[in-house]
Amino acid sequence: MPKMKTKAAAKKRFAFTGTGKIKRKHAYHSHILTKKETTQKRNLDHTALVSRDDEPRVKRMLLH
């Protein structure tokens, strides 16, 4: 049986922390930024963690 492939889209979007949690980026920070407040854009710039309920799904996509 061949090896299972990692989902390329997930590989680009998620990263593991040193403790095994999964980092993600915030949405709404790629375009149409002129109408958004500076505070909102600054807060969206930081990374967030994937929620506990979504972790198994993301790990299965990454085959970790």
PDB file of N, CA and C in Angstrom:
ATOM      1  N   MET A   1       0.842  -1.187   0.000  1.00  0.00           N
ATOM      2  CA  MET A   1       0.000   0.000   0.000  1.00  0.00           C
ATOM      3  C   MET A   1       0.884   1.246   0.000  1.00  0.00           C
ATOM      4  N   PRO A   2       0.564   2.248  -0.856  1.00  0.00           N
ATOM      5  CA  PRO A   2       1.409   3.440  -0.909  1.00  0.00           C
ATOM      6  C   PRO A   2       1.261   4.304   0.338  1.00  0.00           C
ATOM      7  N   LYS A   3       2.228   5.165   0.504  1.00  0.00           N
ATOM      8  CA  LYS A   3       2.176   6.089   1.644  1.00  0.00           C
ATOM      9  C   LYS A   3       1.026   7.074   1.469  1.00  0.00           C
ATOM     10  N   MET A   4       0.474   7.527   2.592  1.00  0.00           N
ATOM     11  CA  MET A   4      -0.572   8.539   2.558  1.00  0.00           C
ATOM     12  C   MET A   4       0.083   9.906   2.348  1.00  0.00           C
ATOM     13  N   LYS A   5      -0.522  10.710   1.506  1.00  0.00           N
ATOM     14  CA  LYS A   5       0.024  12.036   1.243  1.00  0.00           C
ATOM     15  C   LYS A   5      -0.539  13.048   2.233  1.00  0.00           C
ATOM     16  N   THR A   6       0.299  14.004   2.620  1.00  0.00           N
ATOM     17  CA  THR A   6      -0.142  15.133   3.428  1.00  0.00           C
ATOM     18  C   THR A   6      -0.937  16.069   2.529  1.00  0.00           C
ATOM     19  N   LYS A   7      -2.001  16.657   3.050  1.00  0.00           N
ATOM     20  CA  LYS A   7      -2.767  17.638   2.277  1.00  0.00           C
ATOM     21  C   LYS A   7      -1.916  18.887   2.104  1.00  0.00           C
ATOM     22  N   ALA A   8      -1.643  19.250   0.863  1.00  0.00           N
ATOM     23  CA  ALA A   8      -0.754  20.384   0.588  1.00  0.00           C
ATOM     24  C   ALA A   8      -1.331  21.691   1.120  1.00  0.00           C
ATOM     25  N   ALA A   9      -2.649  21.849   1.042  1.00  0.00           N
ATOM     26  CA  ALA A   9      -3.274  23.075   1.533  1.00  0.00           C
ATOM     27  C   ALA A   9      -3.092  23.205   3.043  1.00  0.00           C
ATOM     28  N   ALA A  10      -3.242  22.109   3.763  1.00  0.00           N
ATOM     29  CA  ALA A  10      -3.070  22.129   5.217  1.00  0.00           C
ATOM     30  C   ALA A  10      -1.605  22.384   5.587  1.00  0.00           C
ATOM     31  N   LYS A  11      -0.706  21.823   4.802  1.00  0.00           N
ATOM     32  CA  LYS A  11       0.726  21.998   5.060  1.00  0.00           C
ATOM     33  C   LYS A  11       1.110  23.475   4.985  1.00  0.00           C
ATOM     34  N   LYS A  12       0.455  24.223   4.077  1.00  0.00           N
ATOM     35  CA  LYS A  12       0.750  25.638   3.918  1.00  0.00           C
ATOM     36  C   LYS A  12       0.115  26.493   5.007  1.00  0.00           C
ATOM     37  N   ARG A  13      -0.964  26.019   5.615  1.00  0.00           N
ATOM     38  CA  ARG A  13      -1.746  26.856   6.523  1.00  0.00           C
ATOM     39  C   ARG A  13      -1.464  26.640   8.000  1.00  0.00           C
ATOM     40  N   PHE A  14      -0.947  25.479   8.369  1.00  0.00           N
ATOM     41  CA  PHE A  14      -0.783  25.152   9.777  1.00  0.00           C
ATOM     42  C   PHE A  14       0.668  24.825  10.090  1.00  0.00           C
ATOM     43  N   ALA A  15       1.040  25.032  11.362  1.00  0.00           N
ATOM     44  CA  ALA A  15       2.381  24.680  11.827  1.00  0.00           C
ATOM     45  C   ALA A  15       2.274  24.201  13.267  1.00  0.00           C
ATOM     46  N   PHE A  16       3.159  23.312  13.649  1.00  0.00           N
ATOM     47  CA  PHE A  16       3.158  22.788  15.013  1.00  0.00           C
ATOM     48  C   PHE A  16       4.053  23.630  15.905  1.00  0.00           C
ATOM     49  N   THR A  17       3.631  23.820  17.153  1.00  0.00           N
ATOM     50  CA  THR A  17       4.471  24.488  18.143  1.00  0.00           C
ATOM     51  C   THR A  17       5.391  23.440  18.763  1.00  0.00           C
ATOM     52  N   GLY A  18       6.280  23.884  19.604  1.00  0.00           N
ATOM     53  CA  GLY A  18       7.195  22.962  20.249  1.00  0.00           C
ATOM     54  C   GLY A  18       6.501  22.002  21.187  1.00  0.00           C
ATOM     55  N   THR A  19       5.338  22.396  21.715  1.00  0.00           N
ATOM     56  CA  THR A  19       4.613  21.532  22.647  1.00  0.00           C
ATOM     57  C   THR A  19       3.566  20.674  21.950  1.00  0.00           C
ATOM     58  N   GLY A  20       3.479  20.756  20.610  1.00  0.00           N
ATOM     59  CA  GLY A  20       2.568  19.893  19.873  1.00  0.00           C
ATOM     60  C   GLY A  20       1.225  20.514  19.542  1.00  0.00           C
ATOM     61  N   LYS A  21       1.020  21.770  19.918  1.00  0.00           N
ATOM     62  CA  LYS A  21      -0.219  22.440  19.530  1.00  0.00           C
ATOM     63  C   LYS A  21      -0.087  22.901  18.076  1.00  0.00           C
ATOM     64  N   ILE A  22      -1.205  23.300  17.487  1.00  0.00           N
ATOM     65  CA  ILE A  22      -1.194  23.682  16.085  1.00  0.00           C
ATOM     66  C   ILE A  22      -1.490  25.171  15.953  1.00  0.00           C
ATOM     67  N   LYS A  23      -0.593  25.877  15.276  1.00  0.00           N
ATOM     68  CA  LYS A  23      -0.763  27.306  15.048  1.00  0.00           C
ATOM     69  C   LYS A  23      -1.521  27.523  13.744  1.00  0.00           C
ATOM     70  N   ARG A  24      -2.265  28.639  13.698  1.00  0.00           N
ATOM     71  CA  ARG A  24      -2.967  29.029  12.483  1.00  0.00           C
ATOM     72  C   ARG A  24      -2.928  30.549  12.379  1.00  0.00           C
ATOM     73  N   LYS A  25      -3.259  31.045  11.213  1.00  0.00           N
ATOM     74  CA  LYS A  25      -3.348  32.493  11.024  1.00  0.00           C
ATOM     75  C   LYS A  25      -4.806  32.909  11.065  1.00  0.00           C
ATOM     76  N   HIS A  26      -5.034  34.187  11.350  1.00  0.00           N
ATOM     77  CA  HIS A  26      -6.383  34.728  11.372  1.00  0.00           C
ATOM     78  C   HIS A  26      -6.865  34.996   9.949  1.00  0.00           C
ATOM     79  N   ALA A  27      -8.160  34.900   9.749  1.00  0.00           N
ATOM     80  CA  ALA A  27      -8.771  35.279   8.484  1.00  0.00           C
ATOM     81  C   ALA A  27      -8.951  36.796   8.451  1.00  0.00           C
ATOM     82  N   TYR A  28      -9.394  37.315   7.302  1.00  0.00           N
ATOM     83  CA  TYR A  28      -9.708  38.738   7.110  1.00  0.00           C
ATOM     84  C   TYR A  28      -8.480  39.642   7.179  1.00  0.00           C
ATOM     85  N   HIS A  29      -7.315  39.133   6.835  1.00  0.00           N
ATOM     86  CA  HIS A  29      -6.131  39.977   6.884  1.00  0.00           C
ATOM     87  C   HIS A  29      -5.349  39.931   5.572  1.00  0.00           C
ATOM     88  N   SER A  30      -6.038  39.633   4.471  1.00  0.00           N
ATOM     89  CA  SER A  30      -5.320  39.514   3.209  1.00  0.00           C
ATOM     90  C   SER A  30      -5.666  40.615   2.210  1.00  0.00           C
ATOM     91  N   HIS A  31      -6.887  41.114   2.218  1.00  0.00           N
ATOM     92  CA  HIS A  31      -7.258  42.183   1.277  1.00  0.00           C
ATOM     93  C   HIS A  31      -8.424  42.972   1.857  1.00  0.00           C
ATOM     94  N   ILE A  32      -8.787  44.050   1.177  1.00  0.00           N
ATOM     95  CA  ILE A  32      -9.805  45.015   1.630  1.00  0.00           C
ATOM     96  C   ILE A  32      -9.436  45.511   3.034  1.00  0.00           C
ATOM     97  N   LEU A  33      -8.204  45.985   3.171  1.00  0.00           N
ATOM     98  CA  LEU A  33      -7.715  46.401   4.477  1.00  0.00           C
ATOM     99  C   LEU A  33      -7.937  47.888   4.746  1.00  0.00           C
ATOM    100  N   THR A  34      -8.319  48.647   3.723  1.00  0.00           N
ATOM    101  CA  THR A  34      -8.446  50.091   3.913  1.00  0.00           C
ATOM    102  C   THR A  34      -9.606  50.448   4.822  1.00  0.00           C
ATOM    103  N   LYS A  35     -10.662  49.642   4.814  1.00  0.00           N
ATOM    104  CA  LYS A  35     -11.827  49.967   5.642  1.00  0.00           C
ATOM    105  C   LYS A  35     -11.738  49.382   7.049  1.00  0.00           C
ATOM    106  N   LYS A  36     -10.703  48.630   7.331  1.00  0.00           N
ATOM    107  CA  LYS A  36     -10.563  48.022   8.652  1.00  0.00           C
ATOM    108  C   LYS A  36      -9.706  48.913   9.552  1.00  0.00           C
ATOM    109  N   GLU A  37     -10.055  48.922  10.815  1.00  0.00           N
ATOM    110  CA  GLU A  37      -9.319  49.735  11.781  1.00  0.00           C
ATOM    111  C   GLU A  37      -7.906  49.190  11.976  1.00  0.00           C
ATOM    112  N   THR A  38      -7.000  50.083  12.327  1.00  0.00           N
ATOM    113  CA  THR A  38      -5.611  49.684  12.577  1.00  0.00           C
ATOM    114  C   THR A  38      -5.538  48.663  13.696  1.00  0.00           C
ATOM    115  N   THR A  39      -6.353  48.839  14.723  1.00  0.00           N
ATOM    116  CA  THR A  39      -6.354  47.907  15.854  1.00  0.00           C
ATOM    117  C   THR A  39      -6.768  46.517  15.403  1.00  0.00           C
ATOM    118  N   GLN A  40      -7.796  46.443  14.553  1.00  0.00           N
ATOM    119  CA  GLN A  40      -8.259  45.144  14.072  1.00  0.00           C
ATOM    120  C   GLN A  40      -7.172  44.467  13.248  1.00  0.00           C
ATOM    121  N   LYS A  41      -6.522  45.226  12.358  1.00  0.00           N
ATOM    122  CA  LYS A  41      -5.468  44.651  11.523  1.00  0.00           C
ATOM    123  C   LYS A  41      -4.294  44.176  12.369  1.00  0.00           C
ATOM    124  N   ARG A  42      -3.967  44.943  13.400  1.00  0.00           N
ATOM    125  CA  ARG A  42      -2.863  44.550  14.280  1.00  0.00           C
ATOM    126  C   ARG A  42      -3.190  43.265  15.026  1.00  0.00           C
ATOM    127  N   ASN A  43      -4.427  43.141  15.499  1.00  0.00           N
ATOM    128  CA  ASN A  43      -4.821  41.928  16.212  1.00  0.00           C
ATOM    129  C   ASN A  43      -4.888  40.713  15.299  1.00  0.00           C
ATOM    130  N   LEU A  44      -5.256  40.924  14.041  1.00  0.00           N
ATOM    131  CA  LEU A  44      -5.323  39.812  13.095  1.00  0.00           C
ATOM    132  C   LEU A  44      -3.940  39.337  12.668  1.00  0.00           C
ATOM    133  N   ASP A  45      -2.920  40.151  12.909  1.00  0.00           N
ATOM    134  CA  ASP A  45      -1.571  39.826  12.477  1.00  0.00           C
ATOM    135  C   ASP A  45      -0.957  38.694  13.307  1.00  0.00           C
ATOM    136  N   HIS A  46      -1.414  38.537  14.542  1.00  0.00           N
ATOM    137  CA  HIS A  46      -0.843  37.516  15.415  1.00  0.00           C
ATOM    138  C   HIS A  46      -1.376  36.132  15.047  1.00  0.00           C
ATOM    139  N   THR A  47      -0.608  35.114  15.384  1.00  0.00           N
ATOM    140  CA  THR A  47      -1.078  33.752  15.146  1.00  0.00           C
ATOM    141  C   THR A  47      -2.004  33.330  16.279  1.00  0.00           C
ATOM    142  N   ALA A  48      -2.828  32.341  15.998  1.00  0.00           N
ATOM    143  CA  ALA A  48      -3.743  31.790  16.990  1.00  0.00           C
ATOM    144  C   ALA A  48      -3.543  30.278  17.020  1.00  0.00           C
ATOM    145  N   LEU A  49      -4.171  29.628  17.972  1.00  0.00           N
ATOM    146  CA  LEU A  49      -4.095  28.181  18.065  1.00  0.00           C
ATOM    147  C   LEU A  49      -5.386  27.571  17.546  1.00  0.00           C
ATOM    148  N   VAL A  50      -5.259  26.428  16.914  1.00  0.00           N
ATOM    149  CA  VAL A  50      -6.433  25.692  16.443  1.00  0.00           C
ATOM    150  C   VAL A  50      -7.205  25.212  17.664  1.00  0.00           C
ATOM    151  N   SER A  51      -8.517  25.285  17.607  1.00  0.00           N
ATOM    152  CA  SER A  51      -9.323  24.891  18.755  1.00  0.00           C
ATOM    153  C   SER A  51      -9.187  23.394  19.026  1.00  0.00           C
ATOM    154  N   ARG A  52      -9.459  23.019  20.255  1.00  0.00           N
ATOM    155  CA  ARG A  52      -9.295  21.632  20.690  1.00  0.00           C
ATOM    156  C   ARG A  52     -10.188  20.686  19.879  1.00  0.00           C
ATOM    157  N   ASP A  53     -11.378  21.161  19.487  1.00  0.00           N
ATOM    158  CA  ASP A  53     -12.303  20.318  18.732  1.00  0.00           C
ATOM    159  C   ASP A  53     -11.837  20.089  17.298  1.00  0.00           C
ATOM    160  N   ASP A  54     -11.089  21.032  16.744  1.00  0.00           N
ATOM    161  CA  ASP A  54     -10.631  20.907  15.362  1.00  0.00           C
ATOM    162  C   ASP A  54      -9.266  20.235  15.236  1.00  0.00           C
ATOM    163  N   GLU A  55      -8.558  20.089  16.351  1.00  0.00           N
ATOM    164  CA  GLU A  55      -7.208  19.517  16.292  1.00  0.00           C
ATOM    165  C   GLU A  55      -7.146  18.135  15.646  1.00  0.00           C
ATOM    166  N   PRO A  56      -8.039  17.183  15.991  1.00  0.00           N
ATOM    167  CA  PRO A  56      -7.944  15.865  15.342  1.00  0.00           C
ATOM    168  C   PRO A  56      -8.102  15.931  13.826  1.00  0.00           C
ATOM    169  N   ARG A  57      -8.982  16.803  13.353  1.00  0.00           N
ATOM    170  CA  ARG A  57      -9.197  16.948  11.916  1.00  0.00           C
ATOM    171  C   ARG A  57      -7.957  17.485  11.217  1.00  0.00           C
ATOM    172  N   VAL A  58      -7.324  18.490  11.831  1.00  0.00           N
ATOM    173  CA  VAL A  58      -6.134  19.094  11.223  1.00  0.00           C
ATOM    174  C   VAL A  58      -4.973  18.103  11.286  1.00  0.00           C
ATOM    175  N   LYS A  59      -4.836  17.389  12.389  1.00  0.00           N
ATOM    176  CA  LYS A  59      -3.754  16.401  12.499  1.00  0.00           C
ATOM    177  C   LYS A  59      -3.907  15.293  11.469  1.00  0.00           C
ATOM    178  N   ARG A  60      -5.154  14.922  11.178  1.00  0.00           N
ATOM    179  CA  ARG A  60      -5.379  13.886  10.165  1.00  0.00           C
ATOM    180  C   ARG A  60      -4.996  14.408   8.788  1.00  0.00           C
ATOM    181  N   MET A  61      -5.238  15.689   8.526  1.00  0.00           N
ATOM    182  CA  MET A  61      -4.830  16.271   7.237  1.00  0.00           C
ATOM    183  C   MET A  61      -3.314  16.336   7.128  1.00  0.00           C
ATOM    184  N   LEU A  62      -2.654  16.559   8.273  1.00  0.00           N
ATOM    185  CA  LEU A  62      -1.190  16.655   8.263  1.00  0.00           C
ATOM    186  C   LEU A  62      -0.526  15.309   8.501  1.00  0.00           C
ATOM    187  N   LEU A  63      -1.302  14.287   8.863  1.00  0.00           N
ATOM    188  CA  LEU A  63      -0.789  12.938   9.156  1.00  0.00           C
ATOM    189  C   LEU A  63       0.317  12.969  10.176  1.00  0.00           C
ATOM    190  N   HIS A  64       0.071  13.687  11.254  1.00  0.00           N
ATOM    191  CA  HIS A  64       1.084  13.821  12.311  1.00  0.00           C
ATOM    192  C   HIS A  64       0.780  12.888  13.452  1.00  0.00           C
TER     193      HIS A  64
END
